N, C-alpha and C. Protein backbone atom coordinates (compact mmCIF):
# COMPACT_ATOMS: atom_id res chain seq x y z
N MET A 1 -29.66 -13.77 36.40
CA MET A 1 -28.92 -12.60 35.85
C MET A 1 -27.49 -13.27 35.17
N THR A 2 -27.11 -14.19 35.61
CA THR A 2 -25.65 -14.45 35.60
C THR A 2 -25.54 -15.48 34.24
N SER A 3 -26.91 -16.19 34.19
CA SER A 3 -26.67 -17.17 32.95
C SER A 3 -27.19 -16.27 31.69
N GLY A 4 -28.17 -15.47 32.10
CA GLY A 4 -28.47 -14.63 30.85
C GLY A 4 -27.39 -13.87 30.24
N ASN A 5 -26.44 -13.50 30.92
CA ASN A 5 -25.21 -12.82 30.67
C ASN A 5 -24.36 -13.75 30.13
N LEU A 6 -24.26 -15.02 30.55
CA LEU A 6 -23.21 -15.78 29.94
C LEU A 6 -23.85 -16.43 28.41
N ALA A 7 -25.07 -16.51 28.46
CA ALA A 7 -25.76 -16.71 26.97
C ALA A 7 -25.59 -15.47 26.00
N LEU A 8 -25.80 -14.55 26.47
CA LEU A 8 -25.43 -13.58 25.61
C LEU A 8 -24.45 -13.17 25.13
N GLU A 9 -23.24 -13.39 25.86
CA GLU A 9 -21.79 -13.65 25.72
C GLU A 9 -21.66 -14.67 24.86
N ARG A 10 -22.16 -15.71 25.04
CA ARG A 10 -21.75 -17.07 24.02
C ARG A 10 -22.60 -16.92 22.42
N ALA A 11 -23.50 -16.01 22.60
CA ALA A 11 -24.42 -15.27 21.39
C ALA A 11 -22.97 -14.50 20.58
N VAL A 12 -22.68 -13.72 21.27
CA VAL A 12 -21.63 -12.32 20.24
C VAL A 12 -20.74 -13.29 20.27
N ARG A 13 -20.09 -14.46 20.77
CA ARG A 13 -18.95 -14.76 20.32
C ARG A 13 -19.55 -15.83 18.72
N ASP A 14 -20.68 -16.32 19.07
CA ASP A 14 -21.10 -17.11 17.73
C ASP A 14 -21.26 -16.32 16.34
N GLN A 15 -21.78 -14.80 17.16
CA GLN A 15 -22.23 -14.18 15.55
C GLN A 15 -20.53 -13.78 15.17
N GLU A 16 -19.79 -13.24 16.04
CA GLU A 16 -18.23 -12.89 15.67
C GLU A 16 -17.92 -14.07 14.88
N THR A 17 -17.87 -14.99 15.25
CA THR A 17 -17.51 -16.44 14.55
C THR A 17 -17.87 -16.18 13.39
N GLU A 18 -19.46 -16.06 12.94
CA GLU A 18 -20.40 -15.95 11.51
C GLU A 18 -19.72 -14.66 11.16
N ILE A 19 -19.53 -13.68 11.24
CA ILE A 19 -19.16 -12.68 10.74
C ILE A 19 -17.81 -12.67 9.98
N ARG A 20 -16.58 -13.40 10.85
CA ARG A 20 -15.64 -13.83 10.33
C ARG A 20 -15.31 -15.01 9.58
N ALA A 21 -16.16 -15.78 9.28
CA ALA A 21 -16.76 -16.60 8.45
C ALA A 21 -16.91 -15.93 6.85
N LEU A 22 -18.16 -15.23 7.08
CA LEU A 22 -18.39 -14.14 6.22
C LEU A 22 -17.29 -13.34 5.31
N THR A 23 -16.79 -13.29 6.36
CA THR A 23 -15.87 -11.93 5.24
C THR A 23 -14.52 -13.03 5.22
N ASP A 24 -14.38 -13.84 5.28
CA ASP A 24 -13.33 -14.74 4.47
C ASP A 24 -14.16 -15.17 3.33
N LYS A 25 -15.64 -15.81 3.17
CA LYS A 25 -16.24 -16.13 2.03
C LYS A 25 -16.10 -14.53 0.82
N LEU A 26 -16.54 -13.37 1.80
CA LEU A 26 -17.01 -12.35 0.78
C LEU A 26 -15.42 -11.98 0.20
N ALA A 27 -14.28 -12.26 0.57
CA ALA A 27 -12.77 -11.86 0.35
C ALA A 27 -12.74 -12.76 -0.76
N ALA A 28 -12.73 -14.15 -0.85
CA ALA A 28 -12.70 -15.14 -1.58
C ALA A 28 -13.89 -14.90 -2.85
N ALA A 29 -15.01 -14.41 -2.67
CA ALA A 29 -15.66 -13.90 -4.01
C ALA A 29 -14.91 -13.07 -4.89
N ARG A 30 -14.71 -12.15 -3.63
CA ARG A 30 -14.04 -10.48 -4.86
C ARG A 30 -13.00 -11.41 -5.48
N GLU A 31 -11.99 -12.02 -4.85
CA GLU A 31 -10.45 -12.59 -5.54
C GLU A 31 -11.45 -13.35 -6.86
N ASN A 32 -12.63 -14.37 -6.80
CA ASN A 32 -12.46 -15.13 -7.78
C ASN A 32 -12.71 -13.88 -8.93
N ASN A 33 -13.60 -13.14 -8.44
CA ASN A 33 -14.59 -11.74 -9.27
C ASN A 33 -13.55 -11.37 -10.09
N ARG A 34 -12.24 -10.95 -9.60
CA ARG A 34 -11.08 -10.20 -10.22
C ARG A 34 -10.68 -11.08 -11.26
N PHE A 35 -10.51 -12.43 -10.77
CA PHE A 35 -10.11 -13.19 -11.80
C PHE A 35 -10.96 -13.92 -12.81
N VAL A 36 -12.04 -13.69 -12.87
CA VAL A 36 -12.57 -13.72 -14.00
C VAL A 36 -13.15 -12.51 -14.70
N ASP A 37 -12.87 -11.13 -14.03
CA ASP A 37 -12.74 -10.07 -14.81
C ASP A 37 -11.33 -10.17 -15.86
N ARG A 38 -10.29 -11.00 -15.30
CA ARG A 38 -8.97 -10.91 -15.75
C ARG A 38 -9.07 -11.40 -16.90
N ARG A 39 -9.60 -13.11 -17.19
CA ARG A 39 -9.92 -13.54 -18.14
C ARG A 39 -10.94 -13.73 -19.07
N ILE A 40 -11.91 -12.47 -18.96
CA ILE A 40 -12.93 -11.87 -19.87
C ILE A 40 -12.16 -10.83 -20.64
N ALA A 41 -11.22 -10.31 -20.21
CA ALA A 41 -10.58 -8.87 -20.62
C ALA A 41 -9.45 -9.72 -21.30
N ASP A 42 -8.89 -10.89 -21.25
CA ASP A 42 -8.16 -11.22 -21.87
C ASP A 42 -8.51 -12.00 -23.23
N LEU A 43 -9.95 -12.43 -23.08
CA LEU A 43 -10.37 -13.42 -24.12
C LEU A 43 -10.62 -12.11 -25.17
N GLU A 44 -11.37 -11.10 -24.67
CA GLU A 44 -11.97 -10.16 -25.83
C GLU A 44 -10.57 -9.27 -26.37
N THR A 45 -9.52 -9.39 -25.94
CA THR A 45 -8.26 -8.84 -26.19
C THR A 45 -7.97 -10.21 -27.42
N ARG A 46 -8.32 -10.94 -27.22
CA ARG A 46 -8.20 -12.24 -28.33
C ARG A 46 -9.08 -12.15 -29.49
N VAL A 47 -10.28 -11.99 -29.28
CA VAL A 47 -11.44 -12.02 -30.15
C VAL A 47 -11.30 -10.99 -30.66
N VAL A 48 -10.83 -9.88 -30.46
CA VAL A 48 -10.16 -8.45 -30.98
C VAL A 48 -9.12 -8.54 -31.72
N ASP A 49 -8.04 -9.20 -31.93
CA ASP A 49 -7.05 -9.41 -32.25
C ASP A 49 -6.80 -10.80 -33.40
N LEU A 50 -8.11 -11.22 -33.52
CA LEU A 50 -8.60 -12.63 -34.46
C LEU A 50 -9.37 -11.55 -35.58
N GLN A 51 -10.22 -10.82 -35.17
CA GLN A 51 -11.14 -9.88 -36.26
C GLN A 51 -10.04 -9.39 -37.73
N PRO A 52 -10.51 -9.45 -38.63
CA PRO A 52 -10.07 -9.05 -39.95
C PRO A 52 -9.69 -7.53 -39.65
């Protein structure tokens, strides 16, 4: 029973670590998306300004 409990605790720790890593990746992806959105908006503005 003790070894089973230790295995479960280890599994929980591993999953918590994975969740933290995925959360960090998600935050980075969201930041990249915001950057791309700003860049696209800037390019759209330039295209509109260049039209006669």
